[in-house]
Amino acid sequence: MKVRFTPSAEAEFLSALGHIQRDNPKAALDLLTRANAVLSRLARFPDSGRAIPEFPELPQREVIIPPYRFFYRIKGKTVWIVAVRHGAQVPEQP
């Protein structure tokens, strides 16, 4: 499977990385490295994420890459990252 970001999710992730990088470039690189590892695993095991606790009835799932939550859905042979939120944020319905 392939992992792809929707345009809005990509913008959210890049914004988070940019914000972190301004204060701590090493932390931004660390987050990017951890995200690559988790998203690579997701490509191999798309069901490895958990149901979103706030919205268990939805088909979307999430993986946590502290301190961020990556919300995703599976469509065909693609895992679509649909939103990226800081763990302190209350998520809106994806």
N, C-alpha and C. Protein backbone atom coordinates (compact mmCIF):
# COMPACT_ATOMS: atom_id res chain seq x y z
N MET A 1 0.84 -1.18 0.00
CA MET A 1 0.00 0.00 0.00
C MET A 1 0.88 1.24 0.00
N LYS A 2 0.28 2.31 -0.45
CA LYS A 2 0.96 3.60 -0.42
C LYS A 2 0.33 4.45 0.67
N VAL A 3 1.13 5.33 1.25
CA VAL A 3 0.63 6.30 2.21
C VAL A 3 0.72 7.66 1.57
N ARG A 4 -0.41 8.36 1.56
CA ARG A 4 -0.46 9.70 0.96
C ARG A 4 -1.19 10.63 1.91
N PHE A 5 -0.85 11.90 1.81
CA PHE A 5 -1.51 12.93 2.59
C PHE A 5 -2.53 13.65 1.73
N THR A 6 -3.69 13.96 2.30
CA THR A 6 -4.59 14.88 1.63
C THR A 6 -3.90 16.25 1.68
N PRO A 7 -4.25 17.18 0.79
CA PRO A 7 -3.60 18.50 0.84
C PRO A 7 -3.72 19.19 2.21
N SER A 8 -4.88 19.09 2.83
CA SER A 8 -5.05 19.76 4.13
C SER A 8 -4.20 19.09 5.22
N ALA A 9 -4.12 17.77 5.21
CA ALA A 9 -3.31 17.07 6.20
C ALA A 9 -1.82 17.35 5.99
N GLU A 10 -1.41 17.43 4.73
CA GLU A 10 -0.02 17.76 4.44
C GLU A 10 0.32 19.16 4.95
N ALA A 11 -0.59 20.09 4.74
CA ALA A 11 -0.38 21.46 5.22
C ALA A 11 -0.30 21.50 6.74
N GLU A 12 -1.14 20.72 7.41
CA GLU A 12 -1.11 20.67 8.88
C GLU A 12 0.22 20.12 9.38
N PHE A 13 0.69 19.05 8.76
CA PHE A 13 1.95 18.44 9.19
C PHE A 13 3.13 19.37 8.91
N LEU A 14 3.16 19.96 7.74
CA LEU A 14 4.26 20.88 7.41
C LEU A 14 4.25 22.10 8.32
N SER A 15 3.07 22.57 8.66
CA SER A 15 2.96 23.70 9.58
C SER A 15 3.52 23.33 10.96
N ALA A 16 3.18 22.15 11.43
CA ALA A 16 3.69 21.69 12.72
C ALA A 16 5.21 21.57 12.69
N LEU A 17 5.73 20.96 11.62
CA LEU A 17 7.18 20.83 11.50
C LEU A 17 7.85 22.20 11.46
N GLY A 18 7.28 23.14 10.73
CA GLY A 18 7.84 24.49 10.64
C GLY A 18 7.85 25.19 11.98
N HIS A 19 6.76 25.02 12.72
CA HIS A 19 6.68 25.64 14.04
C HIS A 19 7.75 25.07 14.98
N ILE A 20 7.89 23.76 14.97
CA ILE A 20 8.90 23.11 15.82
C ILE A 20 10.30 23.52 15.38
N GLN A 21 10.52 23.55 14.07
CA GLN A 21 11.86 23.85 13.55
C GLN A 21 12.35 25.23 13.95
N ARG A 22 11.44 26.19 14.04
CA ARG A 22 11.86 27.54 14.43
C ARG A 22 12.49 27.55 15.82
N ASP A 23 11.96 26.73 16.72
CA ASP A 23 12.47 26.70 18.09
C ASP A 23 13.53 25.63 18.31
N ASN A 24 13.39 24.50 17.59
CA ASN A 24 14.28 23.39 17.86
C ASN A 24 14.41 22.51 16.60
N PRO A 25 15.35 22.84 15.72
CA PRO A 25 15.50 22.08 14.48
C PRO A 25 15.71 20.59 14.70
N LYS A 26 16.44 20.23 15.75
CA LYS A 26 16.67 18.81 16.02
C LYS A 26 15.37 18.09 16.36
N ALA A 27 14.49 18.73 17.10
CA ALA A 27 13.20 18.12 17.45
C ALA A 27 12.33 17.94 16.20
N ALA A 28 12.38 18.88 15.28
CA ALA A 28 11.62 18.77 14.03
C ALA A 28 12.12 17.59 13.21
N LEU A 29 13.43 17.45 13.12
CA LEU A 29 14.01 16.32 12.39
C LEU A 29 13.65 15.00 13.07
N ASP A 30 13.64 14.98 14.40
CA ASP A 30 13.26 13.78 15.14
C ASP A 30 11.81 13.41 14.85
N LEU A 31 10.91 14.39 14.86
CA LEU A 31 9.51 14.12 14.56
C LEU A 31 9.36 13.58 13.14
N LEU A 32 10.05 14.17 12.19
CA LEU A 32 9.99 13.71 10.80
C LEU A 32 10.50 12.27 10.68
N THR A 33 11.57 11.96 11.37
CA THR A 33 12.13 10.60 11.34
C THR A 33 11.16 9.59 11.93
N ARG A 34 10.56 9.95 13.08
CA ARG A 34 9.59 9.05 13.71
C ARG A 34 8.34 8.90 12.84
N ALA A 35 7.90 9.99 12.22
CA ALA A 35 6.72 9.92 11.34
C ALA A 35 7.00 9.01 10.15
N ASN A 36 8.18 9.13 9.56
CA ASN A 36 8.52 8.26 8.43
C ASN A 36 8.49 6.79 8.83
N ALA A 37 9.01 6.47 10.01
CA ALA A 37 9.02 5.09 10.48
C ALA A 37 7.61 4.56 10.69
N VAL A 38 6.78 5.34 11.37
CA VAL A 38 5.41 4.89 11.66
C VAL A 38 4.58 4.80 10.38
N LEU A 39 4.73 5.77 9.49
CA LEU A 39 3.95 5.74 8.26
C LEU A 39 4.42 4.63 7.32
N SER A 40 5.70 4.27 7.39
CA SER A 40 6.19 3.11 6.62
C SER A 40 5.56 1.83 7.14
N ARG A 41 5.44 1.72 8.45
CA ARG A 41 4.79 0.55 9.05
C ARG A 41 3.32 0.52 8.63
N LEU A 42 2.70 1.68 8.61
CA LEU A 42 1.30 1.78 8.22
C LEU A 42 1.08 1.30 6.78
N ALA A 43 2.04 1.55 5.91
CA ALA A 43 1.95 1.07 4.53
C ALA A 43 1.92 -0.45 4.48
N ARG A 44 2.64 -1.08 5.37
CA ARG A 44 2.68 -2.55 5.42
C ARG A 44 1.52 -3.13 6.21
N PHE A 45 1.09 -2.43 7.26
CA PHE A 45 0.05 -2.92 8.16
C PHE A 45 -1.00 -1.82 8.37
N PRO A 46 -1.84 -1.58 7.37
CA PRO A 46 -2.75 -0.44 7.44
C PRO A 46 -3.77 -0.50 8.58
N ASP A 47 -4.05 -1.67 9.07
CA ASP A 47 -5.00 -1.79 10.18
C ASP A 47 -4.33 -1.70 11.54
N SER A 48 -3.05 -1.36 11.57
CA SER A 48 -2.33 -1.33 12.84
C SER A 48 -2.68 -0.12 13.70
N GLY A 49 -3.29 0.90 13.11
CA GLY A 49 -3.74 2.04 13.90
C GLY A 49 -4.97 1.66 14.71
N ARG A 50 -5.36 2.55 15.58
CA ARG A 50 -6.52 2.26 16.42
C ARG A 50 -7.72 3.08 15.96
N ALA A 51 -8.90 2.63 16.37
CA ALA A 51 -10.11 3.42 16.14
C ALA A 51 -9.96 4.73 16.91
N ILE A 52 -10.53 5.78 16.39
CA ILE A 52 -10.44 7.08 17.05
C ILE A 52 -11.37 7.06 18.26
N PRO A 53 -10.82 7.18 19.48
CA PRO A 53 -11.66 7.05 20.68
C PRO A 53 -12.86 7.99 20.71
N GLU A 54 -12.70 9.20 20.22
CA GLU A 54 -13.79 10.17 20.24
C GLU A 54 -14.88 9.85 19.21
N PHE A 55 -14.52 9.08 18.17
CA PHE A 55 -15.46 8.76 17.09
C PHE A 55 -15.35 7.28 16.71
N PRO A 56 -15.65 6.36 17.63
CA PRO A 56 -15.44 4.93 17.36
C PRO A 56 -16.30 4.38 16.22
N GLU A 57 -17.38 5.08 15.88
CA GLU A 57 -18.28 4.60 14.83
C GLU A 57 -17.75 4.91 13.43
N LEU A 58 -16.76 5.76 13.32
CA LEU A 58 -16.23 6.14 12.01
C LEU A 58 -15.22 5.12 11.50
N PRO A 59 -15.10 5.01 10.18
CA PRO A 59 -14.13 4.06 9.62
C PRO A 59 -12.68 4.56 9.70
N GLN A 60 -12.48 5.84 9.97
CA GLN A 60 -11.12 6.36 10.07
C GLN A 60 -10.44 5.79 11.32
N ARG A 61 -9.11 5.78 11.25
CA ARG A 61 -8.29 5.28 12.36
C ARG A 61 -7.22 6.33 12.65
N GLU A 62 -6.40 6.05 13.64
CA GLU A 62 -5.32 6.98 13.95
C GLU A 62 -4.08 6.23 14.39
N VAL A 63 -2.95 6.88 14.15
CA VAL A 63 -1.68 6.47 14.75
C VAL A 63 -1.16 7.69 15.50
N ILE A 64 -0.48 7.42 16.58
CA ILE A 64 0.05 8.51 17.40
C ILE A 64 1.56 8.55 17.25
N ILE A 65 2.04 9.73 16.91
CA ILE A 65 3.47 10.00 16.84
C ILE A 65 3.66 11.20 17.76
N PRO A 66 3.93 10.91 19.03
CA PRO A 66 3.90 11.97 20.05
C PRO A 66 4.66 13.22 19.64
N PRO A 67 4.05 14.37 19.83
CA PRO A 67 2.76 14.62 20.46
C PRO A 67 1.61 14.76 19.46
N TYR A 68 1.73 14.20 18.26
CA TYR A 68 0.72 14.38 17.22
C TYR A 68 -0.08 13.12 16.97
N ARG A 69 -1.30 13.33 16.53
CA ARG A 69 -2.20 12.26 16.14
C ARG A 69 -2.41 12.38 14.63
N PHE A 70 -2.18 11.29 13.92
CA PHE A 70 -2.36 11.24 12.48
C PHE A 70 -3.62 10.41 12.21
N PHE A 71 -4.65 11.06 11.66
CA PHE A 71 -5.91 10.39 11.36
C PHE A 71 -5.87 9.93 9.91
N TYR A 72 -6.33 8.71 9.67
CA TYR A 72 -6.25 8.19 8.31
C TYR A 72 -7.45 7.32 7.96
N ARG A 73 -7.60 7.10 6.66
CA ARG A 73 -8.59 6.16 6.15
C ARG A 73 -7.93 5.36 5.04
N ILE A 74 -8.45 4.19 4.82
CA ILE A 74 -7.93 3.30 3.78
C ILE A 74 -8.92 3.33 2.61
N LYS A 75 -8.40 3.60 1.44
CA LYS A 75 -9.24 3.60 0.24
C LYS A 75 -8.47 2.89 -0.86
N GLY A 76 -8.98 1.74 -1.23
CA GLY A 76 -8.28 0.94 -2.24
C GLY A 76 -6.94 0.49 -1.70
N LYS A 77 -5.90 0.79 -2.45
CA LYS A 77 -4.54 0.42 -2.04
C LYS A 77 -3.76 1.60 -1.49
N THR A 78 -4.51 2.58 -0.97
CA THR A 78 -3.87 3.79 -0.44
C THR A 78 -4.35 4.06 0.97
N VAL A 79 -3.42 4.39 1.84
CA VAL A 79 -3.72 4.89 3.17
C VAL A 79 -3.66 6.41 3.07
N TRP A 80 -4.79 7.07 3.28
CA TRP A 80 -4.86 8.53 3.18
C TRP A 80 -4.79 9.15 4.56
N ILE A 81 -3.75 9.93 4.81
CA ILE A 81 -3.68 10.72 6.03
C ILE A 81 -4.62 11.90 5.80
N VAL A 82 -5.66 12.00 6.62
CA VAL A 82 -6.68 13.03 6.38
C VAL A 82 -6.58 14.21 7.33
N ALA A 83 -5.86 14.05 8.45
CA ALA A 83 -5.70 15.16 9.39
C ALA A 83 -4.52 14.86 10.31
N VAL A 84 -3.88 15.92 10.77
CA VAL A 84 -2.79 15.82 11.74
C VAL A 84 -3.09 16.84 12.82
N ARG A 85 -3.20 16.38 14.06
CA ARG A 85 -3.54 17.27 15.17
C ARG A 85 -2.57 17.05 16.33
N HIS A 86 -2.28 18.12 17.02
CA HIS A 86 -1.52 18.00 18.26
C HIS A 86 -2.38 17.24 19.25
N GLY A 87 -1.78 16.41 20.06
CA GLY A 87 -2.51 15.59 21.01
C GLY A 87 -3.32 16.40 22.02
N ALA A 88 -2.95 17.65 22.26
CA ALA A 88 -3.68 18.49 23.20
C ALA A 88 -4.95 19.08 22.58
N GLN A 89 -5.07 19.00 21.26
CA GLN A 89 -6.26 19.53 20.59
C GLN A 89 -7.40 18.52 20.65
N VAL A 90 -8.59 19.00 20.82
CA VAL A 90 -9.77 18.14 20.73
C VAL A 90 -10.06 17.97 19.24
N PRO A 91 -10.06 16.72 18.76
CA PRO A 91 -10.24 16.53 17.32
C PRO A 91 -11.67 16.80 16.88
N GLU A 92 -11.77 17.35 15.68
CA GLU A 92 -13.06 17.47 15.02
C GLU A 92 -13.29 16.17 14.26
N GLN A 93 -14.53 15.90 13.92
CA GLN A 93 -14.81 14.70 13.17
C GLN A 93 -14.08 14.77 11.83
N PRO A 94 -13.22 13.75 11.53
CA PRO A 94 -12.46 13.78 10.28
C PRO A 94 -13.37 13.68 9.06
